[in-house]
Amino acid sequence: MDPSVKDRGKILRTPIEIPNEALEEGPRGYRVHVIDYDSTSNTLHQPAKIPVGANRDDDVPDDPFEGATDKALLSSAGFHAWMTYGIIMKTLSRLNLP
């Protein structure tokens, strides 16, 4: 998920499947709590908001970043936080750790 990898000038994108759980802003779940601190600028970002539909149990949540431009994704602290959460949860689900 490296944004420097591009195809026809655009960042490669793919949806990932992760275990569904109730979330709080951050994102913060049972196993992972993302705290977005940028040490290069000494900036603590506000917790990422929960996308509409993210806590639904009956369906796959909507992807609020699906139609975003590459520039919008790269500059979005919220996207960075959600991407971090997704990669961590995907890794943990593959390891079958509690």
PDB file of N, CA and C in Angstrom:
ATOM      1  N   MET A   1       0.817  -1.202   0.000  1.00  0.00           N
ATOM      2  CA  MET A   1       0.000   0.000   0.000  1.00  0.00           C
ATOM      3  C   MET A   1       0.859   1.262   0.000  1.00  0.00           C
ATOM      4  N   ASP A   2       1.939   1.186  -0.681  1.00  0.00           N
ATOM      5  CA  ASP A   2       2.851   2.318  -0.781  1.00  0.00           C
ATOM      6  C   ASP A   2       2.343   3.287  -1.843  1.00  0.00           C
ATOM      7  N   PRO A   3       2.041   4.528  -1.463  1.00  0.00           N
ATOM      8  CA  PRO A   3       1.496   5.474  -2.446  1.00  0.00           C
ATOM      9  C   PRO A   3       2.466   5.883  -3.542  1.00  0.00           C
ATOM     10  N   SER A   4       3.737   5.490  -3.409  1.00  0.00           N
ATOM     11  CA  SER A   4       4.672   5.808  -4.484  1.00  0.00           C
ATOM     12  C   SER A   4       4.564   4.811  -5.640  1.00  0.00           C
ATOM     13  N   VAL A   5       3.876   3.690  -5.409  1.00  0.00           N
ATOM     14  CA  VAL A   5       3.658   2.709  -6.469  1.00  0.00           C
ATOM     15  C   VAL A   5       2.435   3.147  -7.266  1.00  0.00           C
ATOM     16  N   LYS A   6       2.652   3.414  -8.552  1.00  0.00           N
ATOM     17  CA  LYS A   6       1.578   3.954  -9.373  1.00  0.00           C
ATOM     18  C   LYS A   6       1.410   3.158 -10.655  1.00  0.00           C
ATOM     19  N   ASP A   7       0.227   3.244 -11.221  1.00  0.00           N
ATOM     20  CA  ASP A   7      -0.096   2.660 -12.511  1.00  0.00           C
ATOM     21  C   ASP A   7      -0.788   3.724 -13.341  1.00  0.00           C
ATOM     22  N   ARG A   8      -0.212   4.052 -14.474  1.00  0.00           N
ATOM     23  CA  ARG A   8      -0.735   5.109 -15.347  1.00  0.00           C
ATOM     24  C   ARG A   8      -0.878   6.441 -14.596  1.00  0.00           C
ATOM     25  N   GLY A   9       0.084   6.697 -13.709  1.00  0.00           N
ATOM     26  CA  GLY A   9       0.117   7.967 -13.002  1.00  0.00           C
ATOM     27  C   GLY A   9      -0.787   8.070 -11.785  1.00  0.00           C
ATOM     28  N   LYS A  10      -1.497   6.980 -11.443  1.00  0.00           N
ATOM     29  CA  LYS A  10      -2.394   7.011 -10.286  1.00  0.00           C
ATOM     30  C   LYS A  10      -1.953   5.979  -9.248  1.00  0.00           C
ATOM     31  N   ILE A  11      -2.207   6.302  -7.982  1.00  0.00           N
ATOM     32  CA  ILE A  11      -1.892   5.392  -6.896  1.00  0.00           C
ATOM     33  C   ILE A  11      -2.722   4.125  -7.059  1.00  0.00           C
ATOM     34  N   LEU A  12      -2.066   2.971  -6.876  1.00  0.00           N
ATOM     35  CA  LEU A  12      -2.802   1.709  -6.920  1.00  0.00           C
ATOM     36  C   LEU A  12      -3.678   1.591  -5.679  1.00  0.00           C
ATOM     37  N   ARG A  13      -4.906   1.124  -5.870  1.00  0.00           N
ATOM     38  CA  ARG A  13      -5.858   0.981  -4.757  1.00  0.00           C
ATOM     39  C   ARG A  13      -6.508  -0.384  -4.804  1.00  0.00           C
ATOM     40  N   THR A  14      -6.847  -0.893  -3.636  1.00  0.00           N
ATOM     41  CA  THR A  14      -7.606  -2.128  -3.548  1.00  0.00           C
ATOM     42  C   THR A  14      -8.335  -2.155  -2.207  1.00  0.00           C
ATOM     43  N   PRO A  15      -9.551  -2.669  -2.187  1.00  0.00           N
ATOM     44  CA  PRO A  15     -10.236  -2.836  -0.898  1.00  0.00           C
ATOM     45  C   PRO A  15      -9.625  -4.019  -0.154  1.00  0.00           C
ATOM     46  N   ILE A  16      -9.651  -3.971   1.166  1.00  0.00           N
ATOM     47  CA  ILE A  16      -9.174  -5.088   1.971  1.00  0.00           C
ATOM     48  C   ILE A  16     -10.287  -5.515   2.905  1.00  0.00           C
ATOM     49  N   GLU A  17     -10.302  -6.791   3.241  1.00  0.00           N
ATOM     50  CA  GLU A  17     -11.275  -7.305   4.196  1.00  0.00           C
ATOM     51  C   GLU A  17     -10.594  -7.430   5.551  1.00  0.00           C
ATOM     52  N   ILE A  18     -11.275  -6.903   6.562  1.00  0.00           N
ATOM     53  CA  ILE A  18     -10.767  -6.999   7.929  1.00  0.00           C
ATOM     54  C   ILE A  18     -11.920  -7.417   8.830  1.00  0.00           C
ATOM     55  N   PRO A  19     -11.613  -7.963  10.009  1.00  0.00           N
ATOM     56  CA  PRO A  19     -12.688  -8.333  10.932  1.00  0.00           C
ATOM     57  C   PRO A  19     -13.532  -7.107  11.292  1.00  0.00           C
ATOM     58  N   ASN A  20     -14.838  -7.300  11.332  1.00  0.00           N
ATOM     59  CA  ASN A  20     -15.761  -6.223  11.662  1.00  0.00           C
ATOM     60  C   ASN A  20     -15.891  -6.113  13.181  1.00  0.00           C
ATOM     61  N   GLU A  21     -15.832  -4.901  13.686  1.00  0.00           N
ATOM     62  CA  GLU A  21     -16.009  -4.662  15.118  1.00  0.00           C
ATOM     63  C   GLU A  21     -16.548  -3.255  15.333  1.00  0.00           C
ATOM     64  N   ALA A  22     -17.163  -3.042  16.477  1.00  0.00           N
ATOM     65  CA  ALA A  22     -17.628  -1.700  16.832  1.00  0.00           C
ATOM     66  C   ALA A  22     -16.398  -0.828  17.058  1.00  0.00           C
ATOM     67  N   LEU A  23     -16.439   0.387  16.521  1.00  0.00           N
ATOM     68  CA  LEU A  23     -15.280   1.278  16.593  1.00  0.00           C
ATOM     69  C   LEU A  23     -15.623   2.611  17.217  1.00  0.00           C
ATOM     70  N   GLU A  24     -14.606   3.218  17.798  1.00  0.00           N
ATOM     71  CA  GLU A  24     -14.681   4.591  18.274  1.00  0.00           C
ATOM     72  C   GLU A  24     -13.749   5.432  17.416  1.00  0.00           C
ATOM     73  N   GLU A  25     -13.855   6.752  17.563  1.00  0.00           N
ATOM     74  CA  GLU A  25     -12.957   7.625  16.804  1.00  0.00           C
ATOM     75  C   GLU A  25     -11.516   7.261  17.113  1.00  0.00           C
ATOM     76  N   GLY A  26     -10.687   7.432  16.162  1.00  0.00           N
ATOM     77  CA  GLY A  26      -9.263   7.153  16.327  1.00  0.00           C
ATOM     78  C   GLY A  26      -8.613   6.672  15.046  1.00  0.00           C
ATOM     79  N   PRO A  27      -9.022   5.562  14.507  1.00  0.00           N
ATOM     80  CA  PRO A  27      -9.983   4.565  14.977  1.00  0.00           C
ATOM     81  C   PRO A  27      -9.459   3.762  16.166  1.00  0.00           C
ATOM     82  N   ARG A  28     -10.425   3.337  16.968  1.00  0.00           N
ATOM     83  CA  ARG A  28     -10.109   2.577  18.168  1.00  0.00           C
ATOM     84  C   ARG A  28     -11.088   1.419  18.265  1.00  0.00           C
ATOM     85  N   GLY A  29     -10.530   0.225  18.314  1.00  0.00           N
ATOM     86  CA  GLY A  29     -11.332  -0.979  18.451  1.00  0.00           C
ATOM     87  C   GLY A  29     -10.861  -1.779  19.639  1.00  0.00           C
ATOM     88  N   TYR A  30     -11.212  -3.060  19.650  1.00  0.00           N
ATOM     89  CA  TYR A  30     -10.864  -3.950  20.754  1.00  0.00           C
ATOM     90  C   TYR A  30      -9.356  -4.175  20.856  1.00  0.00           C
ATOM     91  N   ARG A  31      -8.688  -4.287  19.694  1.00  0.00           N
ATOM     92  CA  ARG A  31      -7.273  -4.642  19.697  1.00  0.00           C
ATOM     93  C   ARG A  31      -6.339  -3.523  19.275  1.00  0.00           C
ATOM     94  N   VAL A  32      -6.845  -2.538  18.577  1.00  0.00           N
ATOM     95  CA  VAL A  32      -5.988  -1.509  17.999  1.00  0.00           C
ATOM     96  C   VAL A  32      -6.555  -0.130  18.282  1.00  0.00           C
ATOM     97  N   HIS A  33      -5.683   0.786  18.648  1.00  0.00           N
ATOM     98  CA  HIS A  33      -6.055   2.195  18.830  1.00  0.00           C
ATOM     99  C   HIS A  33      -4.999   3.024  18.103  1.00  0.00           C
ATOM    100  N   VAL A  34      -5.424   3.672  17.024  1.00  0.00           N
ATOM    101  CA  VAL A  34      -4.499   4.475  16.232  1.00  0.00           C
ATOM    102  C   VAL A  34      -4.408   5.875  16.835  1.00  0.00           C
ATOM    103  N   ILE A  35      -3.199   6.291  17.154  1.00  0.00           N
ATOM    104  CA  ILE A  35      -2.921   7.648  17.612  1.00  0.00           C
ATOM    105  C   ILE A  35      -1.980   8.256  16.585  1.00  0.00           C
ATOM    106  N   ASP A  36      -2.434   9.298  15.929  1.00  0.00           N
ATOM    107  CA  ASP A  36      -1.690   9.878  14.810  1.00  0.00           C
ATOM    108  C   ASP A  36      -0.824  11.036  15.301  1.00  0.00           C
ATOM    109  N   TYR A  37       0.439  10.713  15.523  1.00  0.00           N
ATOM    110  CA  TYR A  37       1.402  11.721  15.967  1.00  0.00           C
ATOM    111  C   TYR A  37       2.490  11.846  14.917  1.00  0.00           C
ATOM    112  N   ASP A  38       2.708  13.045  14.414  1.00  0.00           N
ATOM    113  CA  ASP A  38       3.741  13.316  13.417  1.00  0.00           C
ATOM    114  C   ASP A  38       4.950  13.894  14.141  1.00  0.00           C
ATOM    115  N   SER A  39       5.982  13.075  14.320  1.00  0.00           N
ATOM    116  CA  SER A  39       7.152  13.512  15.078  1.00  0.00           C
ATOM    117  C   SER A  39       7.990  14.541  14.312  1.00  0.00           C
ATOM    118  N   THR A  40       7.859  14.571  12.975  1.00  0.00           N
ATOM    119  CA  THR A  40       8.642  15.546  12.209  1.00  0.00           C
ATOM    120  C   THR A  40       8.155  16.961  12.438  1.00  0.00           C
ATOM    121  N   SER A  41       6.859  17.119  12.743  1.00  0.00           N
ATOM    122  CA  SER A  41       6.318  18.460  12.981  1.00  0.00           C
ATOM    123  C   SER A  41       5.798  18.629  14.410  1.00  0.00           C
ATOM    124  N   ASN A  42       6.019  17.590  15.262  1.00  0.00           N
ATOM    125  CA  ASN A  42       5.549  17.617  16.639  1.00  0.00           C
ATOM    126  C   ASN A  42       4.050  17.904  16.697  1.00  0.00           C
ATOM    127  N   THR A  43       3.270  17.204  15.829  1.00  0.00           N
ATOM    128  CA  THR A  43       1.836  17.436  15.723  1.00  0.00           C
ATOM    129  C   THR A  43       1.056  16.186  16.098  1.00  0.00           C
ATOM    130  N   LEU A  44       0.143  16.338  17.040  1.00  0.00           N
ATOM    131  CA  LEU A  44      -0.784  15.269  17.398  1.00  0.00           C
ATOM    132  C   LEU A  44      -2.098  15.560  16.683  1.00  0.00           C
ATOM    133  N   HIS A  45      -2.457  14.720  15.713  1.00  0.00           N
ATOM    134  CA  HIS A  45      -3.683  14.932  14.947  1.00  0.00           C
ATOM    135  C   HIS A  45      -4.897  14.479  15.750  1.00  0.00           C
ATOM    136  N   GLN A  46      -6.033  15.099  15.482  1.00  0.00           N
ATOM    137  CA  GLN A  46      -7.284  14.701  16.108  1.00  0.00           C
ATOM    138  C   GLN A  46      -7.629  13.276  15.677  1.00  0.00           C
ATOM    139  N   PRO A  47      -8.327  12.520  16.533  1.00  0.00           N
ATOM    140  CA  PRO A  47      -8.726  11.164  16.136  1.00  0.00           C
ATOM    141  C   PRO A  47      -9.586  11.208  14.872  1.00  0.00           C
ATOM    142  N   ALA A  48      -9.371  10.224  14.000  1.00  0.00           N
ATOM    143  CA  ALA A  48     -10.145  10.143  12.762  1.00  0.00           C
ATOM    144  C   ALA A  48     -11.609   9.871  13.088  1.00  0.00           C
ATOM    145  N   LYS A  49     -12.487  10.541  12.391  1.00  0.00           N
ATOM    146  CA  LYS A  49     -13.931  10.353  12.563  1.00  0.00           C
ATOM    147  C   LYS A  49     -14.345   8.986  12.029  1.00  0.00           C
ATOM    148  N   ILE A  50     -15.425   8.461  12.562  1.00  0.00           N
ATOM    149  CA  ILE A  50     -15.960   7.190  12.097  1.00  0.00           C
ATOM    150  C   ILE A  50     -16.815   7.458  10.859  1.00  0.00           C
ATOM    151  N   PRO A  51     -16.494   6.807   9.737  1.00  0.00           N
ATOM    152  CA  PRO A  51     -17.299   7.009   8.532  1.00  0.00           C
ATOM    153  C   PRO A  51     -18.738   6.543   8.730  1.00  0.00           C
ATOM    154  N   VAL A  52     -19.644   7.199   8.069  1.00  0.00           N
ATOM    155  CA  VAL A  52     -21.052   6.807   8.146  1.00  0.00           C
ATOM    156  C   VAL A  52     -21.168   5.343   7.733  1.00  0.00           C
ATOM    157  N   GLY A  53     -21.861   4.560   8.538  1.00  0.00           N
ATOM    158  CA  GLY A  53     -22.065   3.150   8.227  1.00  0.00           C
ATOM    159  C   GLY A  53     -20.974   2.226   8.734  1.00  0.00           C
ATOM    160  N   ALA A  54     -19.929   2.762   9.364  1.00  0.00           N
ATOM    161  CA  ALA A  54     -18.799   1.919   9.776  1.00  0.00           C
ATOM    162  C   ALA A  54     -19.163   0.928  10.869  1.00  0.00           C
ATOM    163  N   ASN A  55     -20.159   1.218  11.676  1.00  0.00           N
ATOM    164  CA  ASN A  55     -20.518   0.312  12.762  1.00  0.00           C
ATOM    165  C   ASN A  55     -21.743  -0.543  12.447  1.00  0.00           C
ATOM    166  N   ARG A  56     -22.080  -0.666  11.175  1.00  0.00           N
ATOM    167  CA  ARG A  56     -23.209  -1.519  10.797  1.00  0.00           C
ATOM    168  C   ARG A  56     -22.798  -2.976  10.922  1.00  0.00           C
ATOM    169  N   ASP A  57     -23.705  -3.792  11.458  1.00  0.00           N
ATOM    170  CA  ASP A  57     -23.440  -5.227  11.572  1.00  0.00           C
ATOM    171  C   ASP A  57     -24.045  -6.004  10.411  1.00  0.00           C
ATOM    172  N   ASP A  58     -24.951  -5.389   9.660  1.00  0.00           N
ATOM    173  CA  ASP A  58     -25.724  -6.111   8.662  1.00  0.00           C
ATOM    174  C   ASP A  58     -25.138  -6.088   7.262  1.00  0.00           C
ATOM    175  N   ASP A  59     -24.095  -5.335   7.031  1.00  0.00           N
ATOM    176  CA  ASP A  59     -23.585  -5.180   5.679  1.00  0.00           C
ATOM    177  C   ASP A  59     -22.137  -4.696   5.726  1.00  0.00           C
ATOM    178  N   VAL A  60     -21.525  -4.662   4.577  1.00  0.00           N
ATOM    179  CA  VAL A  60     -20.173  -4.121   4.469  1.00  0.00           C
ATOM    180  C   VAL A  60     -20.248  -2.600   4.572  1.00  0.00           C
ATOM    181  N   PRO A  61     -19.446  -1.996   5.445  1.00  0.00           N
ATOM    182  CA  PRO A  61     -19.487  -0.532   5.579  1.00  0.00           C
ATOM    183  C   PRO A  61     -19.118   0.175   4.273  1.00  0.00           C
ATOM    184  N   ASP A  62     -19.665   1.352   4.096  1.00  0.00           N
ATOM    185  CA  ASP A  62     -19.310   2.170   2.941  1.00  0.00           C
ATOM    186  C   ASP A  62     -17.863   2.631   3.061  1.00  0.00           C
ATOM    187  N   ASP A  63     -17.208   2.828   1.922  1.00  0.00           N
ATOM    188  CA  ASP A  63     -15.838   3.332   1.901  1.00  0.00           C
ATOM    189  C   ASP A  63     -15.888   4.834   1.630  1.00  0.00           C
ATOM    190  N   PRO A  64     -15.645   5.667   2.649  1.00  0.00           N
ATOM    191  CA  PRO A  64     -15.741   7.115   2.446  1.00  0.00           C
ATOM    192  C   PRO A  64     -14.615   7.679   1.582  1.00  0.00           C
ATOM    193  N   PHE A  65     -13.596   6.885   1.307  1.00  0.00           N
ATOM    194  CA  PHE A  65     -12.445   7.355   0.524  1.00  0.00           C
ATOM    195  C   PHE A  65     -12.474   6.838  -0.914  1.00  0.00           C
ATOM    196  N   GLU A  66     -13.473   6.067  -1.262  1.00  0.00           N
ATOM    197  CA  GLU A  66     -13.516   5.407  -2.567  1.00  0.00           C
ATOM    198  C   GLU A  66     -13.386   6.373  -3.744  1.00  0.00           C
ATOM    199  N   GLY A  67     -14.068   7.493  -3.710  1.00  0.00           N
ATOM    200  CA  GLY A  67     -14.034   8.431  -4.828  1.00  0.00           C
ATOM    201  C   GLY A  67     -13.031   9.553  -4.671  1.00  0.00           C
ATOM    202  N   ALA A  68     -12.217   9.495  -3.626  1.00  0.00           N
ATOM    203  CA  ALA A  68     -11.263  10.578  -3.371  1.00  0.00           C
ATOM    204  C   ALA A  68     -10.123  10.571  -4.383  1.00  0.00           C
ATOM    205  N   THR A  69      -9.636  11.750  -4.689  1.00  0.00           N
ATOM    206  CA  THR A  69      -8.486  11.865  -5.593  1.00  0.00           C
ATOM    207  C   THR A  69      -7.219  11.429  -4.862  1.00  0.00           C
ATOM    208  N   ASP A  70      -6.182  11.124  -5.634  1.00  0.00           N
ATOM    209  CA  ASP A  70      -4.902  10.772  -5.024  1.00  0.00           C
ATOM    210  C   ASP A  70      -4.405  11.897  -4.126  1.00  0.00           C
ATOM    211  N   LYS A  71      -4.523  13.122  -4.584  1.00  0.00           N
ATOM    212  CA  LYS A  71      -4.066  14.267  -3.804  1.00  0.00           C
ATOM    213  C   LYS A  71      -4.820  14.359  -2.478  1.00  0.00           C
ATOM    214  N   ALA A  72      -6.146  14.133  -2.516  1.00  0.00           N
ATOM    215  CA  ALA A  72      -6.952  14.188  -1.289  1.00  0.00           C
ATOM    216  C   ALA A  72      -6.536  13.083  -0.318  1.00  0.00           C
ATOM    217  N   LEU A  73      -6.273  11.888  -0.819  1.00  0.00           N
ATOM    218  CA  LEU A  73      -5.856  10.784   0.054  1.00  0.00           C
ATOM    219  C   LEU A  73      -4.511  11.067   0.712  1.00  0.00           C
ATOM    220  N   LEU A  74      -3.568  11.550  -0.079  1.00  0.00           N
ATOM    221  CA  LEU A  74      -2.234  11.810   0.453  1.00  0.00           C
ATOM    222  C   LEU A  74      -2.214  12.917   1.495  1.00  0.00           C
ATOM    223  N   SER A  75      -3.161  13.826   1.433  1.00  0.00           N
ATOM    224  CA  SER A  75      -3.186  14.941   2.378  1.00  0.00           C
ATOM    225  C   SER A  75      -4.168  14.731   3.528  1.00  0.00           C
ATOM    226  N   SER A  76      -4.848  13.599   3.565  1.00  0.00           N
ATOM    227  CA  SER A  76      -5.877  13.346   4.572  1.00  0.00           C
ATOM    228  C   SER A  76      -5.328  12.578   5.769  1.00  0.00           C
ATOM    229  N   ALA A  77      -5.269  13.242   6.920  1.00  0.00           N
ATOM    230  CA  ALA A  77      -4.838  12.562   8.145  1.00  0.00           C
ATOM    231  C   ALA A  77      -5.826  11.453   8.498  1.00  0.00           C
ATOM    232  N   GLY A  78      -7.110  11.666   8.211  1.00  0.00           N
ATOM    233  CA  GLY A  78      -8.123  10.640   8.469  1.00  0.00           C
ATOM    234  C   GLY A  78      -7.870   9.381   7.659  1.00  0.00           C
ATOM    235  N   PHE A  79      -7.544   9.546   6.379  1.00  0.00           N
ATOM    236  CA  PHE A  79      -7.241   8.385   5.541  1.00  0.00           C
ATOM    237  C   PHE A  79      -6.013   7.661   6.068  1.00  0.00           C
ATOM    238  N   HIS A  80      -4.990   8.394   6.448  1.00  0.00           N
ATOM    239  CA  HIS A  80      -3.779   7.762   6.969  1.00  0.00           C
ATOM    240  C   HIS A  80      -4.108   6.919   8.203  1.00  0.00           C
ATOM    241  N   ALA A  81      -4.937   7.449   9.096  1.00  0.00           N
ATOM    242  CA  ALA A  81      -5.304   6.722  10.311  1.00  0.00           C
ATOM    243  C   ALA A  81      -6.098   5.456   9.977  1.00  0.00           C
ATOM    244  N   TRP A  82      -7.066   5.571   9.070  1.00  0.00           N
ATOM    245  CA  TRP A  82      -7.874   4.404   8.699  1.00  0.00           C
ATOM    246  C   TRP A  82      -7.047   3.371   7.941  1.00  0.00           C
ATOM    247  N   MET A  83      -6.132   3.822   7.116  1.00  0.00           N
ATOM    248  CA  MET A  83      -5.271   2.894   6.384  1.00  0.00           C
ATOM    249  C   MET A  83      -4.373   2.143   7.360  1.00  0.00           C
ATOM    250  N   THR A  84      -3.836   2.846   8.339  1.00  0.00           N
ATOM    251  CA  THR A  84      -3.009   2.214   9.360  1.00  0.00           C
ATOM    252  C   THR A  84      -3.810   1.159  10.109  1.00  0.00           C
ATOM    253  N   TYR A  85      -5.019   1.519  10.530  1.00  0.00           N
ATOM    254  CA  TYR A  85      -5.891   0.575  11.235  1.00  0.00           C
ATOM    255  C   TYR A  85      -6.154  -0.662  10.366  1.00  0.00           C
ATOM    256  N   GLY A  86      -6.478  -0.444   9.102  1.00  0.00           N
ATOM    257  CA  GLY A  86      -6.792  -1.552   8.203  1.00  0.00           C
ATOM    258  C   GLY A  86      -5.629  -2.507   8.014  1.00  0.00           C
ATOM    259  N   ILE A  87      -4.441  -1.964   7.818  1.00  0.00           N
ATOM    260  CA  ILE A  87      -3.259  -2.814   7.612  1.00  0.00           C
ATOM    261  C   ILE A  87      -2.925  -3.598   8.878  1.00  0.00           C
ATOM    262  N   ILE A  88      -3.017  -2.953  10.034  1.00  0.00           N
ATOM    263  CA  ILE A  88      -2.747  -3.658  11.296  1.00  0.00           C
ATOM    264  C   ILE A  88      -3.761  -4.777  11.505  1.00  0.00           C
ATOM    265  N   MET A  89      -5.044  -4.488  11.304  1.00  0.00           N
ATOM    266  CA  MET A  89      -6.073  -5.507  11.512  1.00  0.00           C
ATOM    267  C   MET A  89      -5.939  -6.645  10.506  1.00  0.00           C
ATOM    268  N   LYS A  90      -5.595  -6.337   9.265  1.00  0.00           N
ATOM    269  CA  LYS A  90      -5.400  -7.381   8.256  1.00  0.00           C
ATOM    270  C   LYS A  90      -4.232  -8.276   8.658  1.00  0.00           C
ATOM    271  N   THR A  91      -3.154  -7.686   9.140  1.00  0.00           N
ATOM    272  CA  THR A  91      -1.990  -8.455   9.578  1.00  0.00           C
ATOM    273  C   THR A  91      -2.347  -9.337  10.767  1.00  0.00           C
ATOM    274  N   LEU A  92      -3.023  -8.778  11.763  1.00  0.00           N
ATOM    275  CA  LEU A  92      -3.399  -9.560  12.941  1.00  0.00           C
ATOM    276  C   LEU A  92      -4.335 -10.703  12.585  1.00  0.00           C
ATOM    277  N   SER A  93      -5.261 -10.480  11.647  1.00  0.00           N
ATOM    278  CA  SER A  93      -6.195 -11.546  11.269  1.00  0.00           C
ATOM    279  C   SER A  93      -5.459 -12.688  10.565  1.00  0.00           C
ATOM    280  N   ARG A  94      -4.412 -12.388   9.841  1.00  0.00           N
ATOM    281  CA  ARG A  94      -3.624 -13.433   9.172  1.00  0.00           C
ATOM    282  C   ARG A  94      -2.790 -14.222  10.169  1.00  0.00           C
ATOM    283  N   LEU A  95      -2.391 -13.594  11.241  1.00  0.00           N
ATOM    284  CA  LEU A  95      -1.572 -14.272  12.260  1.00  0.00           C
ATOM    285  C   LEU A  95      -2.414 -15.090  13.231  1.00  0.00           C
ATOM    286  N   ASN A  96      -3.745 -14.880  13.206  1.00  0.00           N
ATOM    287  CA  ASN A  96      -4.675 -15.557  14.114  1.00  0.00           C
ATOM    288  C   ASN A  96      -4.329 -15.332  15.572  1.00  0.00           C
ATOM    289  N   LEU A  97      -3.938 -14.099  15.892  1.00  0.00           N
ATOM    290  CA  LEU A  97      -3.626 -13.759  17.273  1.00  0.00           C
ATOM    291  C   LEU A  97      -4.890 -13.263  17.969  1.00  0.00           C
ATOM    292  N   PRO A  98      -5.012 -13.508  19.256  1.00  0.00           N
ATOM    293  CA  PRO A  98      -6.205 -13.031  19.993  1.00  0.00           C
ATOM    294  C   PRO A  98      -6.208 -11.519  20.154  1.00  0.00           C
TER     295      PRO A  98
END
